[in-house]
Amino acid sequence: TDARLRSALKPVTRHTAVIVVAQRVSTIIDADHIVVIDDGKVVGAGRHDELLATCPTYVEIVESQRSAEETAA
């Protein structure tokens, strides 16, 4: 459902600023700018690849979701 929704919205929002609040990395992985908030504080900001290199909290989230997806498969 999430992927279908994002796909349907993409052409409609191409020239629009869109704010997405998400817990799933797959939802925001292609975003131009991701803000990581932990306990009400901004702990990282940037693109997915930048956050993997600079934000331990983001890496922890990515790894926990990757493990859950691998377990479910």
PDB file of N, CA and C in Angstrom:
ATOM      1  N   THR A   1       0.825  -1.193   0.000  1.00  0.00           N
ATOM      2  CA  THR A   1       0.000   0.000   0.000  1.00  0.00           C
ATOM      3  C   THR A   1       0.867   1.254   0.000  1.00  0.00           C
ATOM      4  N   ASP A   2       1.897   1.262   0.833  1.00  0.00           N
ATOM      5  CA  ASP A   2       2.786   2.414   0.932  1.00  0.00           C
ATOM      6  C   ASP A   2       3.443   2.703  -0.415  1.00  0.00           C
ATOM      7  N   ALA A   3       3.994   1.686  -1.046  1.00  0.00           N
ATOM      8  CA  ALA A   3       4.675   1.869  -2.332  1.00  0.00           C
ATOM      9  C   ALA A   3       3.708   2.343  -3.408  1.00  0.00           C
ATOM     10  N   ARG A   4       2.506   1.794  -3.418  1.00  0.00           N
ATOM     11  CA  ARG A   4       1.513   2.210  -4.418  1.00  0.00           C
ATOM     12  C   ARG A   4       1.102   3.671  -4.205  1.00  0.00           C
ATOM     13  N   LEU A   5       0.949   4.063  -2.967  1.00  0.00           N
ATOM     14  CA  LEU A   5       0.578   5.443  -2.663  1.00  0.00           C
ATOM     15  C   LEU A   5       1.678   6.406  -3.112  1.00  0.00           C
ATOM     16  N   ARG A   6       2.926   6.093  -2.767  1.00  0.00           N
ATOM     17  CA  ARG A   6       4.034   6.952  -3.175  1.00  0.00           C
ATOM     18  C   ARG A   6       4.137   7.043  -4.688  1.00  0.00           C
ATOM     19  N   SER A   7       3.948   5.933  -5.363  1.00  0.00           N
ATOM     20  CA  SER A   7       4.002   5.903  -6.824  1.00  0.00           C
ATOM     21  C   SER A   7       2.904   6.767  -7.439  1.00  0.00           C
ATOM     22  N   ALA A   8       1.713   6.688  -6.897  1.00  0.00           N
ATOM     23  CA  ALA A   8       0.586   7.471  -7.409  1.00  0.00           C
ATOM     24  C   ALA A   8       0.770   8.968  -7.153  1.00  0.00           C
ATOM     25  N   LEU A   9       1.373   9.314  -6.036  1.00  0.00           N
ATOM     26  CA  LEU A   9       1.560  10.724  -5.695  1.00  0.00           C
ATOM     27  C   LEU A   9       2.717  11.374  -6.446  1.00  0.00           C
ATOM     28  N   LYS A  10       3.686  10.591  -6.877  1.00  0.00           N
ATOM     29  CA  LYS A  10       4.895  11.136  -7.489  1.00  0.00           C
ATOM     30  C   LYS A  10       4.614  12.097  -8.639  1.00  0.00           C
ATOM     31  N   PRO A  11       3.820  11.736  -9.640  1.00  0.00           N
ATOM     32  CA  PRO A  11       3.598  12.686 -10.740  1.00  0.00           C
ATOM     33  C   PRO A  11       2.796  13.917 -10.321  1.00  0.00           C
ATOM     34  N   VAL A  12       1.946  13.774  -9.342  1.00  0.00           N
ATOM     35  CA  VAL A  12       1.106  14.881  -8.894  1.00  0.00           C
ATOM     36  C   VAL A  12       1.900  15.881  -8.055  1.00  0.00           C
ATOM     37  N   THR A  13       2.908  15.408  -7.363  1.00  0.00           N
ATOM     38  CA  THR A  13       3.665  16.265  -6.443  1.00  0.00           C
ATOM     39  C   THR A  13       5.063  16.593  -6.954  1.00  0.00           C
ATOM     40  N   ARG A  14       5.316  16.350  -8.230  1.00  0.00           N
ATOM     41  CA  ARG A  14       6.655  16.529  -8.801  1.00  0.00           C
ATOM     42  C   ARG A  14       7.245  17.919  -8.511  1.00  0.00           C
ATOM     43  N   HIS A  15       6.447  18.968  -8.591  1.00  0.00           N
ATOM     44  CA  HIS A  15       6.939  20.336  -8.393  1.00  0.00           C
ATOM     45  C   HIS A  15       6.384  20.942  -7.102  1.00  0.00           C
ATOM     46  N   THR A  16       6.219  20.095  -6.110  1.00  0.00           N
ATOM     47  CA  THR A  16       5.626  20.520  -4.850  1.00  0.00           C
ATOM     48  C   THR A  16       6.512  20.082  -3.691  1.00  0.00           C
ATOM     49  N   ALA A  17       6.591  20.909  -2.679  1.00  0.00           N
ATOM     50  CA  ALA A  17       7.282  20.502  -1.459  1.00  0.00           C
ATOM     51  C   ALA A  17       6.345  19.583  -0.687  1.00  0.00           C
ATOM     52  N   VAL A  18       6.844  18.417  -0.308  1.00  0.00           N
ATOM     53  CA  VAL A  18       6.033  17.440   0.404  1.00  0.00           C
ATOM     54  C   VAL A  18       6.767  17.057   1.684  1.00  0.00           C
ATOM     55  N   ILE A  19       6.058  17.091   2.785  1.00  0.00           N
ATOM     56  CA  ILE A  19       6.620  16.648   4.062  1.00  0.00           C
ATOM     57  C   ILE A  19       5.974  15.312   4.402  1.00  0.00           C
ATOM     58  N   VAL A  20       6.815  14.316   4.631  1.00  0.00           N
ATOM     59  CA  VAL A  20       6.343  12.978   4.965  1.00  0.00           C
ATOM     60  C   VAL A  20       6.886  12.624   6.345  1.00  0.00           C
ATOM     61  N   VAL A  21       6.017  12.219   7.221  1.00  0.00           N
ATOM     62  CA  VAL A  21       6.434  11.738   8.535  1.00  0.00           C
ATOM     63  C   VAL A  21       6.326  10.217   8.475  1.00  0.00           C
ATOM     64  N   ALA A  22       7.454   9.535   8.704  1.00  0.00           N
ATOM     65  CA  ALA A  22       7.449   8.088   8.528  1.00  0.00           C
ATOM     66  C   ALA A  22       8.383   7.405   9.515  1.00  0.00           C
ATOM     67  N   GLN A  23       8.076   6.160   9.786  1.00  0.00           N
ATOM     68  CA  GLN A  23       8.960   5.331  10.591  1.00  0.00           C
ATOM     69  C   GLN A  23       9.725   4.345   9.725  1.00  0.00           C
ATOM     70  N   ARG A  24       9.204   4.066   8.543  1.00  0.00           N
ATOM     71  CA  ARG A  24       9.829   3.097   7.648  1.00  0.00           C
ATOM     72  C   ARG A  24      10.827   3.791   6.728  1.00  0.00           C
ATOM     73  N   VAL A  25      12.039   3.302   6.727  1.00  0.00           N
ATOM     74  CA  VAL A  25      13.083   3.866   5.874  1.00  0.00           C
ATOM     75  C   VAL A  25      12.684   3.751   4.405  1.00  0.00           C
ATOM     76  N   SER A  26      12.044   2.667   4.021  1.00  0.00           N
ATOM     77  CA  SER A  26      11.657   2.483   2.626  1.00  0.00           C
ATOM     78  C   SER A  26      10.725   3.595   2.132  1.00  0.00           C
ATOM     79  N   THR A  27      10.011   4.224   3.033  1.00  0.00           N
ATOM     80  CA  THR A  27       9.100   5.300   2.664  1.00  0.00           C
ATOM     81  C   THR A  27       9.852   6.571   2.295  1.00  0.00           C
ATOM     82  N   ILE A  28      10.991   6.821   2.923  1.00  0.00           N
ATOM     83  CA  ILE A  28      11.684   8.098   2.742  1.00  0.00           C
ATOM     84  C   ILE A  28      13.073   7.964   2.121  1.00  0.00           C
ATOM     85  N   ILE A  29      13.456   6.768   1.738  1.00  0.00           N
ATOM     86  CA  ILE A  29      14.822   6.527   1.281  1.00  0.00           C
ATOM     87  C   ILE A  29      15.233   7.417   0.110  1.00  0.00           C
ATOM     88  N   ASP A  30      14.305   7.783  -0.761  1.00  0.00           N
ATOM     89  CA  ASP A  30      14.620   8.609  -1.929  1.00  0.00           C
ATOM     90  C   ASP A  30      14.342  10.090  -1.722  1.00  0.00           C
ATOM     91  N   ALA A  31      14.047  10.476  -0.498  1.00  0.00           N
ATOM     92  CA  ALA A  31      13.736  11.881  -0.213  1.00  0.00           C
ATOM     93  C   ALA A  31      14.959  12.764  -0.433  1.00  0.00           C
ATOM     94  N   ASP A  32      14.717  14.009  -0.829  1.00  0.00           N
ATOM     95  CA  ASP A  32      15.796  14.979  -1.013  1.00  0.00           C
ATOM     96  C   ASP A  32      16.440  15.357   0.314  1.00  0.00           C
ATOM     97  N   HIS A  33      15.648  15.327   1.378  1.00  0.00           N
ATOM     98  CA  HIS A  33      16.160  15.717   2.690  1.00  0.00           C
ATOM     99  C   HIS A  33      15.413  14.932   3.762  1.00  0.00           C
ATOM    100  N   ILE A  34      16.160  14.254   4.601  1.00  0.00           N
ATOM    101  CA  ILE A  34      15.587  13.460   5.692  1.00  0.00           C
ATOM    102  C   ILE A  34      16.047  14.081   7.009  1.00  0.00           C
ATOM    103  N   VAL A  35      15.133  14.249   7.936  1.00  0.00           N
ATOM    104  CA  VAL A  35      15.473  14.749   9.267  1.00  0.00           C
ATOM    105  C   VAL A  35      15.197  13.622  10.254  1.00  0.00           C
ATOM    106  N   VAL A  36      16.213  13.258  11.024  1.00  0.00           N
ATOM    107  CA  VAL A  36      16.081  12.189  12.010  1.00  0.00           C
ATOM    108  C   VAL A  36      15.863  12.826  13.377  1.00  0.00           C
ATOM    109  N   ILE A  37      14.771  12.440  14.019  1.00  0.00           N
ATOM    110  CA  ILE A  37      14.426  12.991  15.331  1.00  0.00           C
ATOM    111  C   ILE A  37      14.425  11.858  16.339  1.00  0.00           C
ATOM    112  N   ASP A  38      15.135  12.056  17.433  1.00  0.00           N
ATOM    113  CA  ASP A  38      15.194  11.068  18.500  1.00  0.00           C
ATOM    114  C   ASP A  38      14.891  11.766  19.818  1.00  0.00           C
ATOM    115  N   ASP A  39      13.870  11.297  20.492  1.00  0.00           N
ATOM    116  CA  ASP A  39      13.464  11.864  21.779  1.00  0.00           C
ATOM    117  C   ASP A  39      13.216  13.374  21.669  1.00  0.00           C
ATOM    118  N   GLY A  40      12.585  13.783  20.552  1.00  0.00           N
ATOM    119  CA  GLY A  40      12.237  15.180  20.359  1.00  0.00           C
ATOM    120  C   GLY A  40      13.355  16.080  19.880  1.00  0.00           C
ATOM    121  N   LYS A  41      14.531  15.522  19.626  1.00  0.00           N
ATOM    122  CA  LYS A  41      15.675  16.326  19.196  1.00  0.00           C
ATOM    123  C   LYS A  41      16.143  15.871  17.824  1.00  0.00           C
ATOM    124  N   VAL A  42      16.529  16.835  16.984  1.00  0.00           N
ATOM    125  CA  VAL A  42      17.090  16.511  15.679  1.00  0.00           C
ATOM    126  C   VAL A  42      18.497  15.958  15.894  1.00  0.00           C
ATOM    127  N   VAL A  43      18.725  14.724  15.439  1.00  0.00           N
ATOM    128  CA  VAL A  43      20.033  14.087  15.619  1.00  0.00           C
ATOM    129  C   VAL A  43      20.741  13.850  14.295  1.00  0.00           C
ATOM    130  N   GLY A  44      20.077  14.172  13.196  1.00  0.00           N
ATOM    131  CA  GLY A  44      20.706  14.023  11.899  1.00  0.00           C
ATOM    132  C   GLY A  44      19.827  14.602  10.810  1.00  0.00           C
ATOM    133  N   ALA A  45      20.471  14.998   9.714  1.00  0.00           N
ATOM    134  CA  ALA A  45      19.732  15.530   8.570  1.00  0.00           C
ATOM    135  C   ALA A  45      20.574  15.358   7.323  1.00  0.00           C
ATOM    136  N   GLY A  46      19.911  15.032   6.228  1.00  0.00           N
ATOM    137  CA  GLY A  46      20.606  14.870   4.959  1.00  0.00           C
ATOM    138  C   GLY A  46      19.930  13.825   4.101  1.00  0.00           C
ATOM    139  N   ARG A  47      20.611  13.373   3.079  1.00  0.00           N
ATOM    140  CA  ARG A  47      20.108  12.304   2.219  1.00  0.00           C
ATOM    141  C   ARG A  47      20.427  10.961   2.870  1.00  0.00           C
ATOM    142  N   HIS A  48      19.801   9.908   2.372  1.00  0.00           N
ATOM    143  CA  HIS A  48      19.974   8.571   2.929  1.00  0.00           C
ATOM    144  C   HIS A  48      21.451   8.194   3.058  1.00  0.00           C
ATOM    145  N   ASP A  49      22.206   8.332   1.968  1.00  0.00           N
ATOM    146  CA  ASP A  49      23.618   7.939   1.999  1.00  0.00           C
ATOM    147  C   ASP A  49      24.437   8.784   2.965  1.00  0.00           C
ATOM    148  N   GLU A  50      24.110  10.060   3.075  1.00  0.00           N
ATOM    149  CA  GLU A  50      24.812  10.930   4.020  1.00  0.00           C
ATOM    150  C   GLU A  50      24.535  10.505   5.456  1.00  0.00           C
ATOM    151  N   LEU A  51      23.284  10.187   5.746  1.00  0.00           N
ATOM    152  CA  LEU A  51      22.916   9.780   7.098  1.00  0.00           C
ATOM    153  C   LEU A  51      23.550   8.448   7.482  1.00  0.00           C
ATOM    154  N   LEU A  52      23.685   7.546   6.512  1.00  0.00           N
ATOM    155  CA  LEU A  52      24.364   6.280   6.804  1.00  0.00           C
ATOM    156  C   LEU A  52      25.805   6.517   7.251  1.00  0.00           C
ATOM    157  N   ALA A  53      26.409   7.583   6.735  1.00  0.00           N
ATOM    158  CA  ALA A  53      27.802   7.884   7.065  1.00  0.00           C
ATOM    159  C   ALA A  53      27.961   8.749   8.310  1.00  0.00           C
ATOM    160  N   THR A  54      26.885   9.444   8.718  1.00  0.00           N
ATOM    161  CA  THR A  54      27.058  10.436   9.778  1.00  0.00           C
ATOM    162  C   THR A  54      26.131  10.325  10.979  1.00  0.00           C
ATOM    163  N   CYS A  55      25.094   9.488  10.886  1.00  0.00           N
ATOM    164  CA  CYS A  55      24.078   9.484  11.949  1.00  0.00           C
ATOM    165  C   CYS A  55      23.868   8.076  12.514  1.00  0.00           C
ATOM    166  N   PRO A  56      24.463   7.784  13.666  1.00  0.00           N
ATOM    167  CA  PRO A  56      24.317   6.458  14.273  1.00  0.00           C
ATOM    168  C   PRO A  56      22.857   6.056  14.523  1.00  0.00           C
ATOM    169  N   THR A  57      22.012   7.012  14.866  1.00  0.00           N
ATOM    170  CA  THR A  57      20.597   6.703  15.103  1.00  0.00           C
ATOM    171  C   THR A  57      19.940   6.215  13.823  1.00  0.00           C
ATOM    172  N   TYR A  58      20.237   6.864  12.705  1.00  0.00           N
ATOM    173  CA  TYR A  58      19.675   6.447  11.420  1.00  0.00           C
ATOM    174  C   TYR A  58      20.188   5.065  11.034  1.00  0.00           C
ATOM    175  N   VAL A  59      21.455   4.834  11.221  1.00  0.00           N
ATOM    176  CA  VAL A  59      22.033   3.514  10.921  1.00  0.00           C
ATOM    177  C   VAL A  59      21.337   2.441  11.751  1.00  0.00           C
ATOM    178  N   GLU A  60      21.088   2.723  13.010  1.00  0.00           N
ATOM    179  CA  GLU A  60      20.394   1.776  13.896  1.00  0.00           C
ATOM    180  C   GLU A  60      18.986   1.472  13.377  1.00  0.00           C
ATOM    181  N   ILE A  61      18.290   2.497  12.933  1.00  0.00           N
ATOM    182  CA  ILE A  61      16.944   2.309  12.387  1.00  0.00           C
ATOM    183  C   ILE A  61      16.994   1.457  11.125  1.00  0.00           C
ATOM    184  N   VAL A  62      17.898   1.789  10.221  1.00  0.00           N
ATOM    185  CA  VAL A  62      18.039   1.032   8.971  1.00  0.00           C
ATOM    186  C   VAL A  62      18.344  -0.428   9.267  1.00  0.00           C
ATOM    187  N   GLU A  63      19.285  -0.674  10.157  1.00  0.00           N
ATOM    188  CA  GLU A  63      19.670  -2.051  10.480  1.00  0.00           C
ATOM    189  C   GLU A  63      18.529  -2.819  11.137  1.00  0.00           C
ATOM    190  N   SER A  64      17.773  -2.172  12.007  1.00  0.00           N
ATOM    191  CA  SER A  64      16.672  -2.865  12.667  1.00  0.00           C
ATOM    192  C   SER A  64      15.573  -3.219  11.670  1.00  0.00           C
ATOM    193  N   GLN A  65      15.332  -2.363  10.702  1.00  0.00           N
ATOM    194  CA  GLN A  65      14.315  -2.662   9.699  1.00  0.00           C
ATOM    195  C   GLN A  65      14.810  -3.694   8.702  1.00  0.00           C
ATOM    196  N   ARG A  66      16.074  -3.662   8.374  1.00  0.00           N
ATOM    197  CA  ARG A  66      16.634  -4.662   7.487  1.00  0.00           C
ATOM    198  C   ARG A  66      16.535  -6.041   8.123  1.00  0.00           C
ATOM    199  N   SER A  67      16.831  -6.143   9.395  1.00  0.00           N
ATOM    200  CA  SER A  67      16.747  -7.425  10.104  1.00  0.00           C
ATOM    201  C   SER A  67      15.308  -7.929  10.135  1.00  0.00           C
ATOM    202  N   ALA A  68      14.362  -7.035  10.373  1.00  0.00           N
ATOM    203  CA  ALA A  68      12.944  -7.431  10.412  1.00  0.00           C
ATOM    204  C   ALA A  68      12.487  -7.919   9.043  1.00  0.00           C
ATOM    205  N   GLU A  69      12.912  -7.258   7.981  1.00  0.00           N
ATOM    206  CA  GLU A  69      12.538  -7.661   6.623  1.00  0.00           C
ATOM    207  C   GLU A  69      13.168  -9.001   6.266  1.00  0.00           C
ATOM    208  N   GLU A  70      14.410  -9.211   6.666  1.00  0.00           N
ATOM    209  CA  GLU A  70      15.089 -10.474   6.382  1.00  0.00           C
ATOM    210  C   GLU A  70      14.440 -11.621   7.141  1.00  0.00           C
ATOM    211  N   THR A  71      14.019 -11.372   8.360  1.00  0.00           N
ATOM    212  CA  THR A  71      13.373 -12.389   9.166  1.00  0.00           C
ATOM    213  C   THR A  71      12.025 -12.776   8.569  1.00  0.00           C
ATOM    214  N   ALA A  72      11.299 -11.790   8.063  1.00  0.00           N
ATOM    215  CA  ALA A  72       9.978 -12.040   7.484  1.00  0.00           C
ATOM    216  C   ALA A  72      10.058 -12.777   6.149  1.00  0.00           C
ATOM    217  N   ALA A  73      11.167 -12.657   5.462  1.00  0.00           N
ATOM    218  CA  ALA A  73      11.292 -13.277   4.120  1.00  0.00           C
ATOM    219  C   ALA A  73      11.496 -14.756   4.165  1.00  0.00           C
TER     220      ALA A  73
END
